[in-house]
Amino acid sequence: MLQIQRIRQEPEAIIEGLKKRGIDASETVHALIELDANRRAIRHEMEENQHRLNGLSKEIGELFKSGRAQEANALKQETGTLKEAIKDLNDRVQLIATKEHDLLLSLPNVPHESVKAGRDEKDNEEVKRVGTVPTLHDGAKPHWDLAEQYDLIDFELGVKITGAGFPVYKNHGARLQRAMINFFLDENRAAGYTEYQVPHFVNAASGYGTGQLPDKEGQMYEMPLDGLYAIPTAEVPVTNMFRDEIVNAKEFPIKSTGYTPCFRREAGSYGKDVRGLNRLHQFDKVEIVSITHPEQSYTLLDEMVAHVAGLLDKLELPYRILRLCGGDAGFTSALTYDFEVYSAAQERWLEVSSVSNFETFQANRLKLRFKDEDGKSQLCHTLNGSAMALPRVLAALLENHQQEDGIRIPAALVSYTGFDKIA
């Protein structure tokens, strides 16, 4: 959530920044400034009345002590009027604060200066491409056919148990999933991330904290009876571990990682792009989350991007890195880099990771702060990234490493799988 102080201090910069997302926020920004001014004016009047009330209460006590009850009782009538006025003013402040909060929740993060204006993925910028697209043998297959041929994934069994988008991994497919999870976690720990095992369901406060609620796109699985939500990513529980905390600045950067299943309704998804593992309602992902000083966050973002790139290098997959335009970036993000691996059999790029800097947007919702050198509380910067999302990585591994006599396992995974080939 944007800070009202920032909106007050640089309204035109925020309006211009949000134009990169294709949003005209001028009406909302100016409404917020007016609400903020009214709230502060009423609060000032309320504080003056409270100061007057405190003075009268002290004066009344002294009058009673000195036996001047008649004068004291006369002043008590004024205190009653002041109390009623203070209550009325407080009610007005709360009403304005609610309106202000609702408007703040409607505004996405302001894109970083390096972010290009644009409407959708067609306007994203490719900043790097690594690896060579493999030339496959005649008769090469997409991953859904390979999964059936080698008995790795049963999509129909998942439909029977639950529905479309909930595959069942089996045999070498299940072992490869487990191997990748352990590989990613070990690589993250070696890079200084502390591993956590977190709940797979969160309360509404956690969803609001990281920006998944309000759920404008209808992606969250909700359990109304319990007031809980199935997590769309480990980012939510891992980041919310630090909600309402004042962290020690000497510990920056605070780096965390965790594996969880992820649940997304993927409302409106259909067609060939969702076939096989391309888009699921339940999938496995290993996440990295960082909390740091505002002056260090973009250096840390570069480090996180390099770390994810290193994982794909070890998996021997061709990939590209995209800087997302304003219209394609997530609601909470100031700057996002997407990683896409090339699927040789499908002849298309598949997104496998997003690495984002949220600046203070999440921290403001989370009330996540640190003390600066002067002892003043300041908002942290939060960042996160997929390291990695498994389904499309698995799809690319199967497709790109397929040979006429089986599927080759990258050397970095062999010690985790216990086999170097699926045949």
Protein backbone atom coordinates (compact mmCIF):
# COMPACT_ATOMS: atom_id res chain seq x y z
CA MET A 1 0.00 0.00 0.00
CA LEU A 2 1.30 3.45 -0.89
CA GLN A 3 2.11 5.72 2.04
CA ILE A 4 -0.21 8.69 2.43
CA GLN A 5 2.83 10.85 3.24
CA ARG A 6 4.31 10.02 -0.16
CA ILE A 7 1.03 10.81 -1.92
CA ARG A 8 0.87 14.13 -0.07
CA GLN A 9 4.46 15.02 -0.95
CA GLU A 10 4.66 13.90 -4.59
CA PRO A 11 1.16 13.50 -6.04
CA GLU A 12 2.07 14.34 -9.63
CA ALA A 13 4.98 11.86 -9.67
CA ILE A 14 2.64 9.11 -8.46
CA ILE A 15 0.01 9.99 -11.07
CA GLU A 16 2.64 9.95 -13.81
CA GLY A 17 4.14 6.70 -12.53
CA LEU A 18 0.80 4.90 -12.51
CA LYS A 19 0.22 5.94 -16.12
CA LYS A 20 2.85 3.30 -16.96
CA ARG A 21 0.26 0.76 -15.83
CA GLY A 22 -2.39 2.37 -18.00
CA ILE A 23 -4.10 3.84 -14.94
CA ASP A 24 -5.37 7.39 -14.54
CA ALA A 25 -5.09 7.80 -10.78
CA SER A 26 -5.50 11.59 -10.66
CA GLU A 27 -9.03 11.51 -9.19
CA THR A 28 -8.07 8.97 -6.52
CA VAL A 29 -4.85 10.77 -5.60
CA HIS A 30 -6.54 14.14 -5.23
CA ALA A 31 -9.39 12.59 -3.25
CA LEU A 32 -6.83 11.05 -0.90
CA ILE A 33 -5.07 14.39 -0.42
CA GLU A 34 -8.38 16.06 0.44
CA LEU A 35 -9.36 13.27 2.85
CA ASP A 36 -5.95 13.38 4.48
CA ALA A 37 -6.14 17.16 4.96
CA ASN A 38 -9.63 16.90 6.47
CA ARG A 39 -8.60 14.05 8.77
CA ARG A 40 -5.56 15.94 10.05
CA ALA A 41 -7.57 19.16 10.57
CA ILE A 42 -10.27 17.33 12.54
CA ARG A 43 -7.67 15.44 14.56
CA HIS A 44 -5.96 18.76 15.40
CA GLU A 45 -9.29 20.18 16.59
CA MET A 46 -9.91 17.03 18.61
CA GLU A 47 -6.48 17.29 20.26
CA GLU A 48 -7.10 20.94 21.13
CA ASN A 49 -10.43 20.00 22.75
CA GLN A 50 -8.75 17.16 24.63
CA HIS A 51 -6.08 19.55 25.88
CA ARG A 52 -8.79 21.97 27.05
CA LEU A 53 -10.66 19.08 28.70
CA ASN A 54 -7.53 17.94 30.56
CA GLY A 55 -6.96 21.48 31.79
CA LEU A 56 -10.55 21.84 32.97
CA SER A 57 -10.45 18.51 34.79
CA LYS A 58 -7.39 19.62 36.70
CA GLU A 59 -8.97 23.01 37.47
CA ILE A 60 -12.21 21.36 38.65
CA GLY A 61 -10.29 19.11 41.01
CA GLU A 62 -8.50 22.09 42.54
CA LEU A 63 -11.77 23.99 42.93
CA PHE A 64 -13.38 21.10 44.81
CA LYS A 65 -10.33 20.84 47.06
CA SER A 66 -10.59 24.52 47.92
CA GLY A 67 -14.32 24.26 48.75
CA ARG A 68 -15.52 26.14 45.65
CA ALA A 69 -18.02 23.48 44.54
CA GLN A 70 -20.37 25.90 42.78
CA GLU A 71 -17.62 27.09 40.42
CA ALA A 72 -16.45 23.50 39.89
CA ASN A 73 -19.93 22.33 38.93
CA ALA A 74 -20.28 25.19 36.45
CA LEU A 75 -17.08 24.07 34.73
CA LYS A 76 -18.28 20.45 34.68
CA GLN A 77 -21.04 21.49 32.28
CA GLU A 78 -18.35 22.66 29.85
CA THR A 79 -16.48 19.36 30.19
CA GLY A 80 -19.61 17.48 29.18
CA THR A 81 -19.92 19.59 26.05
CA LEU A 82 -16.23 19.01 25.24
CA LYS A 83 -16.53 15.25 25.70
CA GLU A 84 -19.46 15.14 23.30
CA ALA A 85 -17.55 17.23 20.77
CA ILE A 86 -14.49 15.00 21.07
CA LYS A 87 -16.60 11.90 20.50
CA ASP A 88 -18.21 13.46 17.42
CA LEU A 89 -14.83 14.50 16.04
CA ASN A 90 -13.38 11.05 16.66
CA ASP A 91 -16.28 9.43 14.80
CA ARG A 92 -15.61 11.77 11.87
CA VAL A 93 -11.90 10.93 11.92
CA GLN A 94 -12.66 7.20 11.86
CA LEU A 95 -15.09 7.58 8.96
CA ILE A 96 -12.55 9.56 6.93
CA ALA A 97 -9.76 7.10 7.82
CA THR A 98 -11.89 4.21 6.53
CA LYS A 99 -12.54 5.99 3.23
CA GLU A 100 -8.86 6.87 2.96
CA HIS A 101 -7.81 3.28 3.65
CA ASP A 102 -10.22 1.90 1.05
CA LEU A 103 -8.87 4.29 -1.59
CA LEU A 104 -5.27 3.41 -0.70
CA LEU A 105 -6.08 -0.29 -1.13
CA SER A 106 -7.30 0.43 -4.66
CA LEU A 107 -3.99 1.90 -5.82
CA PRO A 108 -1.24 -0.44 -7.10
CA ASN A 109 2.45 0.18 -6.51
CA VAL A 110 4.19 2.87 -8.51
CA PRO A 111 6.56 1.31 -11.07
CA HIS A 112 10.30 1.86 -10.75
CA GLU A 113 11.76 4.49 -13.08
CA SER A 114 13.32 1.73 -15.23
CA VAL A 115 9.93 0.16 -15.96
CA LYS A 116 8.55 0.78 -19.42
CA ALA A 117 4.97 1.87 -19.97
CA GLY A 118 2.89 -0.85 -21.57
CA ARG A 119 -0.39 -2.74 -21.57
CA ASP A 120 0.52 -6.43 -21.44
CA GLU A 121 3.20 -9.08 -22.05
CA LYS A 122 3.69 -7.87 -25.62
CA ASP A 123 5.32 -4.72 -24.21
CA ASN A 124 7.79 -6.49 -21.89
CA GLU A 125 11.51 -5.96 -22.48
CA GLU A 126 13.92 -8.83 -22.98
CA VAL A 127 17.09 -7.95 -21.06
CA LYS A 128 19.03 -11.20 -21.43
CA ARG A 129 18.96 -14.54 -23.24
CA VAL A 130 21.08 -17.52 -22.21
CA GLY A 131 21.65 -20.95 -23.75
CA THR A 132 20.94 -22.56 -27.07
CA VAL A 133 17.57 -23.92 -28.05
CA PRO A 134 18.12 -27.66 -28.59
CA THR A 135 17.40 -29.35 -31.89
CA LEU A 136 15.19 -32.32 -31.11
CA HIS A 137 15.08 -35.62 -32.96
CA ASP A 138 12.28 -36.50 -35.34
CA GLY A 139 9.20 -37.58 -33.44
CA ALA A 140 10.01 -35.49 -30.34
CA LYS A 141 6.98 -35.06 -28.10
CA PRO A 142 5.49 -32.44 -25.78
CA HIS A 143 5.69 -33.19 -22.07
CA TRP A 144 2.12 -34.46 -21.74
CA ASP A 145 2.85 -37.21 -24.25
CA LEU A 146 6.21 -37.97 -22.62
CA ALA A 147 4.46 -38.18 -19.23
CA GLU A 148 2.13 -40.82 -20.62
CA GLN A 149 4.84 -42.72 -22.49
CA TYR A 150 7.12 -43.02 -19.45
CA ASP A 151 4.32 -43.24 -16.84
CA LEU A 152 5.39 -40.03 -15.05
CA ILE A 153 2.17 -38.06 -14.59
CA ASP A 154 -1.48 -39.13 -14.63
CA PHE A 155 -3.62 -36.16 -15.56
CA GLU A 156 -6.85 -38.15 -15.81
CA LEU A 157 -6.42 -39.64 -12.36
CA GLY A 158 -6.11 -36.10 -11.01
CA VAL A 159 -9.38 -35.21 -12.73
CA LYS A 160 -11.03 -38.24 -11.11
CA ILE A 161 -9.79 -37.34 -7.63
CA THR A 162 -10.27 -33.59 -7.77
CA GLY A 163 -10.66 -32.02 -11.20
CA ALA A 164 -8.68 -30.53 -14.07
CA GLY A 165 -5.45 -28.82 -13.03
CA PHE A 166 -4.61 -31.27 -10.21
CA PRO A 167 -2.20 -33.84 -11.72
CA VAL A 168 -0.93 -36.98 -10.01
CA TYR A 169 2.85 -37.48 -10.27
CA LYS A 170 4.07 -41.05 -10.11
CA ASN A 171 7.17 -43.24 -10.37
CA HIS A 172 10.09 -41.29 -11.83
CA GLY A 173 7.85 -38.24 -12.19
CA ALA A 174 7.22 -38.09 -8.45
CA ARG A 175 10.90 -38.71 -7.70
CA LEU A 176 11.94 -35.95 -10.10
CA GLN A 177 9.55 -33.53 -8.37
CA ARG A 178 11.01 -34.36 -4.96
CA ALA A 179 14.55 -34.11 -6.34
CA MET A 180 13.98 -30.63 -7.73
CA ILE A 181 12.41 -29.39 -4.48
CA ASN A 182 15.43 -30.57 -2.49
CA PHE A 183 17.86 -29.23 -5.09
CA PHE A 184 16.29 -25.77 -5.05
CA LEU A 185 16.13 -25.63 -1.25
CA ASP A 186 19.77 -26.72 -0.90
CA GLU A 187 20.89 -24.14 -3.46
CA ASN A 188 18.93 -21.43 -1.65
CA ARG A 189 20.37 -22.37 1.74
CA ALA A 190 23.88 -22.30 0.24
CA ALA A 191 23.14 -18.76 -0.92
CA GLY A 192 22.34 -17.66 2.63
CA TYR A 193 18.58 -18.17 2.80
CA THR A 194 17.16 -19.60 6.03
CA GLU A 195 14.79 -22.48 5.34
CA TYR A 196 11.28 -22.48 6.80
CA GLN A 197 8.36 -24.89 6.65
CA VAL A 198 5.23 -22.75 6.80
CA PRO A 199 1.43 -23.26 6.88
CA HIS A 200 -0.38 -23.79 3.59
CA PHE A 201 -3.39 -21.78 4.75
CA VAL A 202 -3.41 -18.16 5.92
CA ASN A 203 -5.85 -15.76 7.53
CA ALA A 204 -7.18 -12.62 5.90
CA ALA A 205 -4.64 -10.38 7.64
CA SER A 206 -1.84 -12.29 5.93
CA GLY A 207 -3.54 -12.03 2.55
CA TYR A 208 -3.92 -8.28 2.97
CA GLY A 209 -0.35 -7.96 4.23
CA THR A 210 1.27 -9.15 1.02
CA GLY A 211 -1.40 -7.78 -1.32
CA GLN A 212 -3.33 -10.88 -2.39
CA LEU A 213 -6.45 -9.44 -0.75
CA PRO A 214 -8.67 -7.81 -1.82
CA ASP A 215 -8.74 -10.58 -4.46
CA LYS A 216 -9.57 -8.51 -7.53
CA GLU A 217 -8.89 -11.34 -10.00
CA GLY A 218 -10.65 -14.14 -8.12
CA GLN A 219 -7.55 -16.33 -7.78
CA MET A 220 -7.69 -17.30 -4.10
CA TYR A 221 -9.28 -20.50 -2.81
CA GLU A 222 -11.29 -19.41 0.22
CA MET A 223 -12.67 -21.36 3.18
CA PRO A 224 -15.32 -18.95 4.55
CA LEU A 225 -16.32 -21.20 7.44
CA ASP A 226 -12.82 -20.92 8.89
CA GLY A 227 -11.85 -17.50 7.57
CA LEU A 228 -8.82 -18.99 5.83
CA TYR A 229 -7.30 -18.96 2.34
CA ALA A 230 -5.18 -21.56 0.56
CA ILE A 231 -1.87 -19.91 -0.27
CA PRO A 232 -1.18 -18.93 -3.90
CA THR A 233 2.56 -18.85 -3.12
CA ALA A 234 4.88 -19.32 -0.14
CA GLU A 235 5.55 -15.58 -0.38
CA VAL A 236 2.41 -15.02 1.69
CA PRO A 237 3.18 -17.05 4.85
CA VAL A 238 6.95 -16.47 4.69
CA THR A 239 6.68 -12.68 4.39
CA ASN A 240 3.92 -12.54 7.01
CA MET A 241 6.23 -14.12 9.56
CA PHE A 242 7.56 -10.56 9.89
CA ARG A 243 4.20 -8.77 10.02
CA ASP A 244 3.91 -6.20 12.85
CA GLU A 245 7.62 -6.54 13.63
CA ILE A 246 10.47 -4.09 14.09
CA VAL A 247 13.40 -6.06 12.71
CA ASN A 248 17.05 -5.52 13.56
CA ALA A 249 18.73 -3.52 10.80
CA LYS A 250 22.02 -5.23 11.64
CA GLU A 251 20.52 -8.48 10.29
CA PHE A 252 19.85 -7.05 6.81
CA PRO A 253 19.38 -8.62 4.38
CA ILE A 254 16.99 -11.08 6.06
CA LYS A 255 16.75 -13.94 3.57
CA SER A 256 14.20 -16.75 3.84
CA THR A 257 13.22 -19.72 1.68
CA GLY A 258 10.51 -22.34 1.83
CA TYR A 259 8.79 -25.03 -0.17
CA THR A 260 4.99 -25.23 -0.36
CA PRO A 261 2.27 -26.42 -2.66
CA CYS A 262 0.49 -23.43 -4.20
CA PHE A 263 -3.20 -23.07 -5.01
CA ARG A 264 -4.67 -20.76 -7.65
CA ARG A 265 -8.10 -20.79 -9.24
CA GLU A 266 -6.68 -19.46 -12.53
CA ALA A 267 -10.07 -17.99 -13.35
CA GLY A 268 -10.62 -17.57 -17.08
CA SER A 269 -7.71 -19.81 -18.15
CA TYR A 270 -8.45 -22.06 -21.10
CA GLY A 271 -7.11 -23.31 -24.43
CA LYS A 272 -3.83 -24.84 -25.55
CA ASP A 273 -1.75 -22.68 -23.20
CA VAL A 274 -3.13 -24.54 -20.17
CA ARG A 275 -2.52 -28.06 -21.48
CA GLY A 276 -0.46 -30.49 -19.40
CA LEU A 277 1.67 -28.72 -16.80
CA ASN A 278 1.44 -25.30 -18.40
CA ARG A 279 -1.19 -23.99 -15.97
CA LEU A 280 -2.37 -25.77 -12.84
CA HIS A 281 -4.62 -25.13 -9.86
CA GLN A 282 -2.18 -26.89 -7.51
CA PHE A 283 1.56 -26.89 -8.06
CA ASP A 284 4.82 -27.03 -6.11
CA LYS A 285 7.12 -24.07 -5.74
CA VAL A 286 10.20 -23.09 -3.76
CA GLU A 287 10.22 -19.40 -2.85
CA ILE A 288 12.87 -16.92 -1.74
CA VAL A 289 11.92 -13.82 0.28
CA SER A 290 14.21 -10.96 1.31
CA ILE A 291 13.77 -8.03 3.68
CA THR A 292 16.29 -5.24 3.61
CA HIS A 293 17.19 -1.57 3.95
CA PRO A 294 15.65 0.67 1.25
CA GLU A 295 19.11 1.72 0.07
CA GLN A 296 20.12 -1.92 -0.50
CA SER A 297 17.03 -3.37 -2.16
CA TYR A 298 17.92 -2.93 -5.83
CA THR A 299 21.40 -4.36 -5.32
CA LEU A 300 19.71 -7.30 -3.60
CA LEU A 301 17.22 -7.61 -6.47
CA ASP A 302 20.11 -8.02 -8.89
CA GLU A 303 21.60 -10.70 -6.62
CA MET A 304 18.31 -12.59 -6.53
CA VAL A 305 18.00 -12.44 -10.32
CA ALA A 306 21.54 -13.81 -10.65
CA HIS A 307 20.72 -16.61 -8.18
CA VAL A 308 17.66 -17.74 -10.16
CA ALA A 309 19.68 -17.57 -13.38
CA GLY A 310 22.27 -19.85 -11.76
CA LEU A 311 19.60 -22.45 -11.02
CA LEU A 312 18.52 -22.56 -14.64
CA ASP A 313 22.15 -22.74 -15.76
CA LYS A 314 22.62 -25.85 -13.59
CA LEU A 315 19.47 -27.39 -15.06
CA GLU A 316 20.93 -26.81 -18.54
CA LEU A 317 17.85 -25.02 -19.80
CA PRO A 318 17.80 -22.15 -22.30
CA TYR A 319 16.09 -19.11 -20.81
CA ARG A 320 15.45 -15.43 -21.18
CA ILE A 321 14.94 -12.66 -18.64
CA LEU A 322 12.22 -10.06 -19.17
CA ARG A 323 11.68 -6.74 -17.43
CA LEU A 324 7.91 -6.47 -17.13
CA CYS A 325 6.18 -3.36 -18.41
CA GLY A 326 3.84 -1.39 -16.18
CA GLY A 327 0.68 -3.07 -17.44
CA ASP A 328 1.98 -6.62 -16.96
CA ALA A 329 3.61 -6.17 -13.55
CA GLY A 330 1.82 -7.41 -10.44
CA PHE A 331 -0.32 -5.08 -8.32
CA THR A 332 2.27 -4.92 -5.51
CA SER A 333 5.46 -4.80 -7.57
CA ALA A 334 7.68 -1.80 -8.27
CA LEU A 335 9.94 -3.84 -10.59
CA THR A 336 9.63 -7.46 -11.74
CA TYR A 337 11.90 -9.67 -13.80
CA ASP A 338 10.33 -12.78 -15.31
CA PHE A 339 12.31 -15.85 -16.28
CA GLU A 340 11.08 -17.93 -19.18
CA VAL A 341 12.51 -21.26 -20.32
CA TYR A 342 12.18 -22.42 -23.88
CA SER A 343 10.02 -25.45 -24.50
CA ALA A 344 11.53 -27.05 -27.61
CA ALA A 345 8.66 -29.47 -28.21
CA GLN A 346 5.98 -26.79 -27.82
CA GLU A 347 8.17 -24.17 -29.52
CA ARG A 348 7.25 -21.48 -27.00
CA TRP A 349 8.56 -19.73 -23.92
CA LEU A 350 7.22 -20.79 -20.50
CA GLU A 351 7.37 -18.53 -17.44
CA VAL A 352 9.07 -20.33 -14.52
CA SER A 353 9.99 -17.53 -12.13
CA SER A 354 9.23 -13.93 -11.19
CA VAL A 355 11.64 -11.91 -9.07
CA SER A 356 10.23 -8.64 -7.70
CA ASN A 357 11.05 -5.65 -5.54
CA PHE A 358 8.00 -4.29 -3.74
CA GLU A 359 9.89 -1.42 -2.09
CA THR A 360 7.73 -0.28 0.90
CA PHE A 361 4.38 -1.33 -0.60
CA GLN A 362 4.06 -4.62 1.30
CA ALA A 363 5.92 -3.35 4.36
CA ASN A 364 3.40 -0.53 4.79
CA ARG A 365 0.55 -3.08 4.85
CA LEU A 366 2.55 -5.41 7.09
CA LYS A 367 3.75 -2.66 9.45
CA LEU A 368 7.22 -4.15 8.91
CA ARG A 369 9.83 -1.68 10.13
CA PHE A 370 13.37 -1.16 11.34
CA LYS A 371 15.04 1.54 13.46
CA ASP A 372 17.40 3.87 11.60
CA GLU A 373 20.60 5.33 13.08
CA ASP A 374 18.57 8.08 14.76
CA GLY A 375 16.27 5.53 16.38
CA LYS A 376 13.31 6.40 14.15
CA SER A 377 11.09 3.65 12.74
CA GLN A 378 11.30 3.26 8.97
CA LEU A 379 9.58 0.89 6.54
CA CYS A 380 11.67 -1.98 5.17
CA HIS A 381 11.82 -3.01 1.54
CA THR A 382 10.56 -6.51 0.70
CA LEU A 383 11.48 -8.70 -2.28
CA ASN A 384 10.60 -12.19 -3.41
CA GLY A 385 11.20 -14.65 -6.19
CA SER A 386 10.34 -18.12 -7.40
CA ALA A 387 13.36 -20.38 -7.01
CA MET A 388 11.71 -22.25 -8.64
CA ALA A 389 8.14 -23.03 -9.74
CA LEU A 390 8.24 -26.71 -10.63
CA PRO A 391 5.57 -27.54 -13.24
CA ARG A 392 6.96 -25.66 -16.22
CA VAL A 393 10.55 -26.40 -15.21
CA LEU A 394 9.62 -30.08 -15.26
CA ALA A 395 7.87 -29.64 -18.61
CA ALA A 396 10.97 -27.99 -20.10
CA LEU A 397 13.28 -30.63 -18.60
CA LEU A 398 11.27 -33.46 -20.13
CA GLU A 399 10.95 -31.79 -23.51
CA ASN A 400 14.41 -30.27 -23.94
CA HIS A 401 16.34 -33.25 -22.58
CA GLN A 402 14.40 -35.95 -24.42
CA GLN A 403 16.38 -38.28 -26.64
CA GLU A 404 15.33 -41.13 -28.90
CA ASP A 405 15.99 -43.67 -26.13
CA GLY A 406 14.77 -41.73 -23.10
CA ILE A 407 15.01 -38.48 -21.12
CA ARG A 408 18.39 -37.33 -19.84
CA ILE A 409 18.60 -35.94 -16.29
CA PRO A 410 20.85 -32.85 -15.83
CA ALA A 411 24.03 -33.66 -13.91
CA ALA A 412 23.11 -31.28 -11.08
CA LEU A 413 20.00 -33.36 -10.28
CA VAL A 414 21.44 -36.89 -10.51
CA SER A 415 22.55 -37.04 -6.87
CA TYR A 416 18.97 -36.08 -5.91
CA THR A 417 17.08 -38.38 -8.28
CA GLY A 418 19.30 -41.44 -7.98
CA PHE A 419 19.02 -41.98 -11.75
CA ASP A 420 20.52 -40.19 -14.74
CA LYS A 421 17.96 -41.20 -17.34
CA ILE A 422 14.28 -41.99 -17.68
CA ALA A 423 13.87 -44.81 -20.18
